[in-house]
Structure formats: C-alpha cells, structure tokens
Amino acid sequence: MTDPTIHPFERVGQAAKQLQETGRYVAQAFSQSFCLMVGLPSYEAYVEHRLQTHPDEPVMSYEAFFKERQEARYGGRGKGGGCC
C-alpha cells in the first residue's frame, strides 16, 4: 500500500530516480559483458587487484596496461601475430 502522506508527484520522482539507477546498472553490466566477450580487459579491475594484493608495487598507467594486454593477446615483440 502506498503512503498517503507522500504527494503523487513525489512518488513519480522516486520512481524516475529508481528507473534511472536501474538503467545505469543495466548499461554498466552490458558494457562490461561486451568488453569481456571481445576480450578487452578491465583497467579498473587491474588497479583494484594491484592495490589489494601488491600494494608495495607500482601500478601501470592505462596506456602501458593496454599495450601489455594487446601484446599478450595478439603477440608482440617479434612473437608473430595471432594463431595462424
């Protein structure tokens, strides 16, 4: 049952805010799923892992992280390219 002391427009505002938060969550989940499907690593997850498990070691910049992940995935430094 709804609270009679809350004005109907306030309920609409609350519903709109909840819908916005849900939409933001769905968009973030979709984005993360897409990145995982195509093999893009998460820099944020890397930074969180490094800070939690290796706090005394430096954290790579985003550019260095991206380059290292690309080389690991596609081969780099003269390793040849890909699987073929």
PDB file of N, CA and C in Angstrom:
ATOM      1  N   MET A   1       0.840  -1.170   0.000  1.00  0.00           N
ATOM      2  CA  MET A   1       0.000   0.000   0.000  1.00  0.00           C
ATOM      3  C   MET A   1       0.887   1.235   0.000  1.00  0.00           C
ATOM      4  N   THR A   2       0.486   2.259  -0.677  1.00  0.00           N
ATOM      5  CA  THR A   2       1.268   3.484  -0.757  1.00  0.00           C
ATOM      6  C   THR A   2       1.017   4.361   0.445  1.00  0.00           C
ATOM      7  N   ASP A   3       1.997   5.167   0.768  1.00  0.00           N
ATOM      8  CA  ASP A   3       1.912   6.092   1.896  1.00  0.00           C
ATOM      9  C   ASP A   3       1.072   7.299   1.488  1.00  0.00           C
ATOM     10  N   PRO A   4      -0.048   7.546   2.152  1.00  0.00           N
ATOM     11  CA  PRO A   4      -0.916   8.662   1.766  1.00  0.00           C
ATOM     12  C   PRO A   4      -0.307  10.034   2.044  1.00  0.00           C
ATOM     13  N   THR A   5       0.741  10.080   2.862  1.00  0.00           N
ATOM     14  CA  THR A   5       1.350  11.375   3.174  1.00  0.00           C
ATOM     15  C   THR A   5       2.323  11.828   2.089  1.00  0.00           C
ATOM     16  N   ILE A   6       2.657  10.948   1.159  1.00  0.00           N
ATOM     17  CA  ILE A   6       3.571  11.293   0.065  1.00  0.00           C
ATOM     18  C   ILE A   6       2.755  11.772  -1.121  1.00  0.00           C
ATOM     19  N   HIS A   7       3.101  12.926  -1.604  1.00  0.00           N
ATOM     20  CA  HIS A   7       2.403  13.520  -2.753  1.00  0.00           C
ATOM     21  C   HIS A   7       2.635  12.651  -3.995  1.00  0.00           C
ATOM     22  N   PRO A   8       1.628  12.504  -4.863  1.00  0.00           N
ATOM     23  CA  PRO A   8       1.776  11.680  -6.071  1.00  0.00           C
ATOM     24  C   PRO A   8       2.977  12.071  -6.937  1.00  0.00           C
ATOM     25  N   PHE A   9       3.276  13.365  -7.046  1.00  0.00           N
ATOM     26  CA  PHE A   9       4.432  13.781  -7.852  1.00  0.00           C
ATOM     27  C   PHE A   9       5.743  13.334  -7.224  1.00  0.00           C
ATOM     28  N   GLU A  10       5.761  13.265  -5.909  1.00  0.00           N
ATOM     29  CA  GLU A  10       6.965  12.793  -5.222  1.00  0.00           C
ATOM     30  C   GLU A  10       7.180  11.306  -5.508  1.00  0.00           C
ATOM     31  N   ARG A  11       6.080  10.543  -5.540  1.00  0.00           N
ATOM     32  CA  ARG A  11       6.191   9.119  -5.886  1.00  0.00           C
ATOM     33  C   ARG A  11       6.713   8.948  -7.316  1.00  0.00           C
ATOM     34  N   VAL A  12       6.238   9.787  -8.233  1.00  0.00           N
ATOM     35  CA  VAL A  12       6.711   9.731  -9.623  1.00  0.00           C
ATOM     36  C   VAL A  12       8.197  10.041  -9.671  1.00  0.00           C
ATOM     37  N   GLY A  13       8.625  11.039  -8.895  1.00  0.00           N
ATOM     38  CA  GLY A  13      10.047  11.397  -8.836  1.00  0.00           C
ATOM     39  C   GLY A  13      10.889  10.251  -8.307  1.00  0.00           C
ATOM     40  N   GLN A  14      10.382   9.576  -7.277  1.00  0.00           N
ATOM     41  CA  GLN A  14      11.102   8.434  -6.714  1.00  0.00           C
ATOM     42  C   GLN A  14      11.193   7.298  -7.738  1.00  0.00           C
ATOM     43  N   ALA A  15      10.099   7.048  -8.446  1.00  0.00           N
ATOM     44  CA  ALA A  15      10.096   6.002  -9.464  1.00  0.00           C
ATOM     45  C   ALA A  15      11.061   6.341 -10.598  1.00  0.00           C
ATOM     46  N   ALA A  16      11.096   7.612 -10.996  1.00  0.00           N
ATOM     47  CA  ALA A  16      12.002   8.044 -12.062  1.00  0.00           C
ATOM     48  C   ALA A  16      13.457   7.867 -11.640  1.00  0.00           C
ATOM     49  N   LYS A  17      13.750   8.204 -10.393  1.00  0.00           N
ATOM     50  CA  LYS A  17      15.115   8.042  -9.882  1.00  0.00           C
ATOM     51  C   LYS A  17      15.512   6.567  -9.855  1.00  0.00           C
ATOM     52  N   GLN A  18      14.589   5.713  -9.415  1.00  0.00           N
ATOM     53  CA  GLN A  18      14.874   4.277  -9.379  1.00  0.00           C
ATOM     54  C   GLN A  18      15.070   3.735 -10.784  1.00  0.00           C
ATOM     55  N   LEU A  19      14.262   4.187 -11.733  1.00  0.00           N
ATOM     56  CA  LEU A  19      14.402   3.752 -13.121  1.00  0.00           C
ATOM     57  C   LEU A  19      15.753   4.199 -13.681  1.00  0.00           C
ATOM     58  N   GLN A  20      16.166   5.407 -13.354  1.00  0.00           N
ATOM     59  CA  GLN A  20      17.452   5.916 -13.818  1.00  0.00           C
ATOM     60  C   GLN A  20      18.602   5.073 -13.254  1.00  0.00           C
ATOM     61  N   GLU A  21      18.543   4.751 -11.974  1.00  0.00           N
ATOM     62  CA  GLU A  21      19.576   3.925 -11.349  1.00  0.00           C
ATOM     63  C   GLU A  21      19.610   2.531 -11.967  1.00  0.00           C
ATOM     64  N   THR A  22      18.443   1.969 -12.228  1.00  0.00           N
ATOM     65  CA  THR A  22      18.365   0.645 -12.859  1.00  0.00           C
ATOM     66  C   THR A  22      18.950   0.702 -14.266  1.00  0.00           C
ATOM     67  N   GLY A  23      18.612   1.742 -15.006  1.00  0.00           N
ATOM     68  CA  GLY A  23      19.143   1.900 -16.355  1.00  0.00           C
ATOM     69  C   GLY A  23      20.656   2.027 -16.355  1.00  0.00           C
ATOM     70  N   ARG A  24      21.184   2.765 -15.406  1.00  0.00           N
ATOM     71  CA  ARG A  24      22.636   2.922 -15.290  1.00  0.00           C
ATOM     72  C   ARG A  24      23.291   1.573 -14.993  1.00  0.00           C
ATOM     73  N   TYR A  25      22.693   0.803 -14.097  1.00  0.00           N
ATOM     74  CA  TYR A  25      23.217  -0.520 -13.757  1.00  0.00           C
ATOM     75  C   TYR A  25      23.197  -1.452 -14.968  1.00  0.00           C
ATOM     76  N   VAL A  26      22.088  -1.459 -15.696  1.00  0.00           N
ATOM     77  CA  VAL A  26      21.966  -2.320 -16.884  1.00  0.00           C
ATOM     78  C   VAL A  26      22.992  -1.911 -17.940  1.00  0.00           C
ATOM     79  N   ALA A  27      23.168  -0.610 -18.160  1.00  0.00           N
ATOM     80  CA  ALA A  27      24.143  -0.143 -19.145  1.00  0.00           C
ATOM     81  C   ALA A  27      25.557  -0.544 -18.747  1.00  0.00           C
ATOM     82  N   GLN A  28      25.877  -0.427 -17.473  1.00  0.00           N
ATOM     83  CA  GLN A  28      27.203  -0.807 -16.999  1.00  0.00           C
ATOM     84  C   GLN A  28      27.423  -2.313 -17.151  1.00  0.00           C
ATOM     85  N   ALA A  29      26.408  -3.110 -16.814  1.00  0.00           N
ATOM     86  CA  ALA A  29      26.524  -4.563 -16.945  1.00  0.00           C
ATOM     87  C   ALA A  29      26.674  -4.961 -18.408  1.00  0.00           C
ATOM     88  N   PHE A  30      25.921  -4.316 -19.286  1.00  0.00           N
ATOM     89  CA  PHE A  30      26.026  -4.611 -20.716  1.00  0.00           C
ATOM     90  C   PHE A  30      27.417  -4.254 -21.229  1.00  0.00           C
ATOM     91  N   SER A  31      27.920  -3.095 -20.851  1.00  0.00           N
ATOM     92  CA  SER A  31      29.235  -2.654 -21.285  1.00  0.00           C
ATOM     93  C   SER A  31      30.320  -3.615 -20.810  1.00  0.00           C
ATOM     94  N   GLN A  32      30.245  -4.006 -19.556  1.00  0.00           N
ATOM     95  CA  GLN A  32      31.234  -4.932 -19.008  1.00  0.00           C
ATOM     96  C   GLN A  32      31.153  -6.285 -19.712  1.00  0.00           C
ATOM     97  N   SER A  33      29.948  -6.779 -19.960  1.00  0.00           N
ATOM     98  CA  SER A  33      29.781  -8.059 -20.648  1.00  0.00           C
ATOM     99  C   SER A  33      30.340  -7.995 -22.067  1.00  0.00           C
ATOM    100  N   PHE A  34      30.068  -6.903 -22.765  1.00  0.00           N
ATOM    101  CA  PHE A  34      30.571  -6.742 -24.122  1.00  0.00           C
ATOM    102  C   PHE A  34      32.097  -6.736 -24.133  1.00  0.00           C
ATOM    103  N   CYS A  35      32.689  -5.998 -23.218  1.00  0.00           N
ATOM    104  CA  CYS A  35      34.152  -5.944 -23.151  1.00  0.00           C
ATOM    105  C   CYS A  35      34.746  -7.319 -22.872  1.00  0.00           C
ATOM    106  N   LEU A  36      34.116  -8.078 -22.008  1.00  0.00           N
ATOM    107  CA  LEU A  36      34.608  -9.428 -21.725  1.00  0.00           C
ATOM    108  C   LEU A  36      34.445 -10.343 -22.931  1.00  0.00           C
ATOM    109  N   MET A  37      33.349 -10.181 -23.674  1.00  0.00           N
ATOM    110  CA  MET A  37      33.118 -11.026 -24.856  1.00  0.00           C
ATOM    111  C   MET A  37      34.163 -10.789 -25.935  1.00  0.00           C
ATOM    112  N   VAL A  38      34.583  -9.551 -26.125  1.00  0.00           N
ATOM    113  CA  VAL A  38      35.556  -9.253 -27.168  1.00  0.00           C
ATOM    114  C   VAL A  38      36.985  -9.249 -26.644  1.00  0.00           C
ATOM    115  N   GLY A  39      37.152  -9.537 -25.372  1.00  0.00           N
ATOM    116  CA  GLY A  39      38.488  -9.689 -24.813  1.00  0.00           C
ATOM    117  C   GLY A  39      39.168  -8.413 -24.358  1.00  0.00           C
ATOM    118  N   LEU A  40      38.413  -7.366 -24.061  1.00  0.00           N
ATOM    119  CA  LEU A  40      39.015  -6.146 -23.541  1.00  0.00           C
ATOM    120  C   LEU A  40      39.126  -6.251 -22.027  1.00  0.00           C
ATOM    121  N   PRO A  41      40.330  -6.174 -21.505  1.00  0.00           N
ATOM    122  CA  PRO A  41      40.493  -6.280 -20.061  1.00  0.00           C
ATOM    123  C   PRO A  41      40.039  -5.011 -19.352  1.00  0.00           C
ATOM    124  N   SER A  42      39.762  -5.135 -18.082  1.00  0.00           N
ATOM    125  CA  SER A  42      39.290  -4.010 -17.282  1.00  0.00           C
ATOM    126  C   SER A  42      40.455  -3.386 -16.523  1.00  0.00           C
ATOM    127  N   TYR A  43      40.784  -2.146 -16.878  1.00  0.00           N
ATOM    128  CA  TYR A  43      41.858  -1.439 -16.178  1.00  0.00           C
ATOM    129  C   TYR A  43      41.482  -1.215 -14.716  1.00  0.00           C
ATOM    130  N   GLU A  44      40.212  -0.908 -14.467  1.00  0.00           N
ATOM    131  CA  GLU A  44      39.765  -0.670 -13.087  1.00  0.00           C
ATOM    132  C   GLU A  44      39.950  -1.924 -12.233  1.00  0.00           C
ATOM    133  N   ALA A  45      39.630  -3.094 -12.799  1.00  0.00           N
ATOM    134  CA  ALA A  45      39.810  -4.348 -12.058  1.00  0.00           C
ATOM    135  C   ALA A  45      41.293  -4.612 -11.804  1.00  0.00           C
ATOM    136  N   TYR A  46      42.131  -4.297 -12.804  1.00  0.00           N
ATOM    137  CA  TYR A  46      43.578  -4.462 -12.650  1.00  0.00           C
ATOM    138  C   TYR A  46      44.099  -3.586 -11.512  1.00  0.00           C
ATOM    139  N   VAL A  47      43.705  -2.299 -11.510  1.00  0.00           N
ATOM    140  CA  VAL A  47      44.172  -1.374 -10.474  1.00  0.00           C
ATOM    141  C   VAL A  47      43.710  -1.844  -9.098  1.00  0.00           C
ATOM    142  N   GLU A  48      42.449  -2.242  -8.997  1.00  0.00           N
ATOM    143  CA  GLU A  48      41.928  -2.730  -7.711  1.00  0.00           C
ATOM    144  C   GLU A  48      42.707  -3.946  -7.231  1.00  0.00           C
ATOM    145  N   HIS A  49      42.980  -4.887  -8.141  1.00  0.00           N
ATOM    146  CA  HIS A  49      43.742  -6.091  -7.795  1.00  0.00           C
ATOM    147  C   HIS A  49      45.143  -5.723  -7.320  1.00  0.00           C
ATOM    148  N   ARG A  50      45.817  -4.844  -8.070  1.00  0.00           N
ATOM    149  CA  ARG A  50      47.187  -4.463  -7.711  1.00  0.00           C
ATOM    150  C   ARG A  50      47.234  -3.788  -6.336  1.00  0.00           C
ATOM    151  N   LEU A  51      46.293  -2.908  -6.084  1.00  0.00           N
ATOM    152  CA  LEU A  51      46.295  -2.196  -4.805  1.00  0.00           C
ATOM    153  C   LEU A  51      45.988  -3.124  -3.634  1.00  0.00           C
ATOM    154  N   GLN A  52      45.151  -4.127  -3.867  1.00  0.00           N
ATOM    155  CA  GLN A  52      44.789  -5.050  -2.786  1.00  0.00           C
ATOM    156  C   GLN A  52      45.856  -6.110  -2.543  1.00  0.00           C
ATOM    157  N   THR A  53      46.431  -6.659  -3.621  1.00  0.00           N
ATOM    158  CA  THR A  53      47.346  -7.787  -3.462  1.00  0.00           C
ATOM    159  C   THR A  53      48.819  -7.425  -3.564  1.00  0.00           C
ATOM    160  N   HIS A  54      49.139  -6.299  -4.181  1.00  0.00           N
ATOM    161  CA  HIS A  54      50.530  -5.878  -4.341  1.00  0.00           C
ATOM    162  C   HIS A  54      50.665  -4.389  -4.034  1.00  0.00           C
ATOM    163  N   PRO A  55      50.320  -3.965  -2.814  1.00  0.00           N
ATOM    164  CA  PRO A  55      50.299  -2.529  -2.504  1.00  0.00           C
ATOM    165  C   PRO A  55      51.664  -1.856  -2.577  1.00  0.00           C
ATOM    166  N   ASP A  56      52.736  -2.628  -2.447  1.00  0.00           N
ATOM    167  CA  ASP A  56      54.072  -2.036  -2.453  1.00  0.00           C
ATOM    168  C   ASP A  56      54.670  -1.945  -3.864  1.00  0.00           C
ATOM    169  N   GLU A  57      53.967  -2.454  -4.871  1.00  0.00           N
ATOM    170  CA  GLU A  57      54.462  -2.420  -6.242  1.00  0.00           C
ATOM    171  C   GLU A  57      53.739  -1.347  -7.042  1.00  0.00           C
ATOM    172  N   PRO A  58      54.417  -0.778  -8.055  1.00  0.00           N
ATOM    173  CA  PRO A  58      53.773   0.278  -8.853  1.00  0.00           C
ATOM    174  C   PRO A  58      52.651  -0.268  -9.734  1.00  0.00           C
ATOM    175  N   VAL A  59      51.716   0.605 -10.083  1.00  0.00           N
ATOM    176  CA  VAL A  59      50.594   0.273 -10.950  1.00  0.00           C
ATOM    177  C   VAL A  59      50.884   0.870 -12.327  1.00  0.00           C
ATOM    178  N   MET A  60      50.708   0.074 -13.377  1.00  0.00           N
ATOM    179  CA  MET A  60      50.939   0.564 -14.734  1.00  0.00           C
ATOM    180  C   MET A  60      49.929   1.656 -15.075  1.00  0.00           C
ATOM    181  N   SER A  61      50.342   2.564 -15.934  1.00  0.00           N
ATOM    182  CA  SER A  61      49.410   3.556 -16.466  1.00  0.00           C
ATOM    183  C   SER A  61      48.423   2.830 -17.375  1.00  0.00           C
ATOM    184  N   TYR A  62      47.327   3.515 -17.706  1.00  0.00           N
ATOM    185  CA  TYR A  62      46.340   2.898 -18.591  1.00  0.00           C
ATOM    186  C   TYR A  62      46.976   2.535 -19.927  1.00  0.00           C
ATOM    187  N   GLU A  63      47.800   3.431 -20.467  1.00  0.00           N
ATOM    188  CA  GLU A  63      48.436   3.191 -21.763  1.00  0.00           C
ATOM    189  C   GLU A  63      49.354   1.973 -21.710  1.00  0.00           C
ATOM    190  N   ALA A  64      50.172   1.869 -20.659  1.00  0.00           N
ATOM    191  CA  ALA A  64      51.072   0.723 -20.515  1.00  0.00           C
ATOM    192  C   ALA A  64      50.276  -0.569 -20.325  1.00  0.00           C
ATOM    193  N   PHE A  65      49.211  -0.505 -19.523  1.00  0.00           N
ATOM    194  CA  PHE A  65      48.360  -1.674 -19.306  1.00  0.00           C
ATOM    195  C   PHE A  65      47.741  -2.146 -20.615  1.00  0.00           C
ATOM    196  N   PHE A  66      47.177  -1.209 -21.390  1.00  0.00           N
ATOM    197  CA  PHE A  66      46.536  -1.556 -22.651  1.00  0.00           C
ATOM    198  C   PHE A  66      47.540  -2.180 -23.611  1.00  0.00           C
ATOM    199  N   LYS A  67      48.725  -1.586 -23.724  1.00  0.00           N
ATOM    200  CA  LYS A  67      49.762  -2.119 -24.620  1.00  0.00           C
ATOM    201  C   LYS A  67      50.186  -3.519 -24.188  1.00  0.00           C
ATOM    202  N   GLU A  68      50.382  -3.707 -22.904  1.00  0.00           N
ATOM    203  CA  GLU A  68      50.805  -5.023 -22.388  1.00  0.00           C
ATOM    204  C   GLU A  68      49.744  -6.088 -22.666  1.00  0.00           C
ATOM    205  N   ARG A  69      48.467  -5.739 -22.474  1.00  0.00           N
ATOM    206  CA  ARG A  69      47.379  -6.692 -22.725  1.00  0.00           C
ATOM    207  C   ARG A  69      47.248  -7.006 -24.217  1.00  0.00           C
ATOM    208  N   GLN A  70      47.445  -6.009 -25.078  1.00  0.00           N
ATOM    209  CA  GLN A  70      47.398  -6.241 -26.519  1.00  0.00           C
ATOM    210  C   GLN A  70      48.526  -7.168 -26.952  1.00  0.00           C
ATOM    211  N   GLU A  71      49.728  -6.936 -26.430  1.00  0.00           N
ATOM    212  CA  GLU A  71      50.862  -7.793 -26.776  1.00  0.00           C
ATOM    213  C   GLU A  71      50.656  -9.212 -26.260  1.00  0.00           C
ATOM    214  N   ALA A  72      50.081  -9.343 -25.074  1.00  0.00           N
ATOM    215  CA  ALA A  72      49.829 -10.675 -24.518  1.00  0.00           C
ATOM    216  C   ALA A  72      48.788 -11.425 -25.341  1.00  0.00           C
ATOM    217  N   ARG A  73      47.811 -10.706 -25.860  1.00  0.00           N
ATOM    218  CA  ARG A  73      46.740 -11.359 -26.600  1.00  0.00           C
ATOM    219  C   ARG A  73      47.115 -11.656 -28.052  1.00  0.00           C
ATOM    220  N   TYR A  74      47.699 -10.675 -28.715  1.00  0.00           N
ATOM    221  CA  TYR A  74      47.950 -10.810 -30.148  1.00  0.00           C
ATOM    222  C   TYR A  74      49.393 -11.102 -30.499  1.00  0.00           C
ATOM    223  N   GLY A  75      50.244 -11.183 -29.525  1.00  0.00           N
ATOM    224  CA  GLY A  75      51.659 -11.405 -29.798  1.00  0.00           C
ATOM    225  C   GLY A  75      52.326 -10.080 -30.060  1.00  0.00           C
ATOM    226  N   GLY A  76      53.465  -9.939 -29.562  1.00  0.00           N
ATOM    227  CA  GLY A  76      54.189  -8.693 -29.734  1.00  0.00           C
ATOM    228  C   GLY A  76      55.648  -8.960 -29.514  1.00  0.00           C
ATOM    229  N   ARG A  77      56.444  -7.948 -29.730  1.00  0.00           N
ATOM    230  CA  ARG A  77      57.876  -8.079 -29.507  1.00  0.00           C
ATOM    231  C   ARG A  77      58.448  -9.224 -30.343  1.00  0.00           C
ATOM    232  N   GLY A  78      58.017  -9.317 -31.610  1.00  0.00           N
ATOM    233  CA  GLY A  78      58.556 -10.324 -32.521  1.00  0.00           C
ATOM    234  C   GLY A  78      58.017 -11.723 -32.331  1.00  0.00           C
ATOM    235  N   LYS A  79      56.917 -11.897 -31.658  1.00  0.00           N
ATOM    236  CA  LYS A  79      56.351 -13.225 -31.410  1.00  0.00           C
ATOM    237  C   LYS A  79      55.493 -13.726 -32.560  1.00  0.00           C
ATOM    238  N   GLY A  80      55.334 -12.944 -33.575  1.00  0.00           N
ATOM    239  CA  GLY A  80      54.419 -13.349 -34.646  1.00  0.00           C
ATOM    240  C   GLY A  80      53.030 -12.857 -34.305  1.00  0.00           C
ATOM    241  N   GLY A  81      52.107 -13.046 -35.204  1.00  0.00           N
ATOM    242  CA  GLY A  81      50.795 -12.486 -34.945  1.00  0.00           C
ATOM    243  C   GLY A  81      49.703 -13.528 -34.899  1.00  0.00           C
ATOM    244  N   GLY A  82      49.034 -13.602 -33.782  1.00  0.00           N
ATOM    245  CA  GLY A  82      47.837 -14.414 -33.679  1.00  0.00           C
ATOM    246  C   GLY A  82      48.058 -15.913 -33.741  1.00  0.00           C
ATOM    247  N   CYS A  83      47.042 -16.604 -34.174  1.00  0.00           N
ATOM    248  CA  CYS A  83      47.059 -18.071 -34.141  1.00  0.00           C
ATOM    249  C   CYS A  83      47.463 -18.693 -35.468  1.00  0.00           C
ATOM    250  N   CYS A  84      47.557 -17.926 -36.514  1.00  0.00           N
ATOM    251  CA  CYS A  84      47.810 -18.509 -37.831  1.00  0.00           C
ATOM    252  C   CYS A  84      49.207 -18.214 -38.342  1.00  0.00           C
TER     253      CYS A  84
END
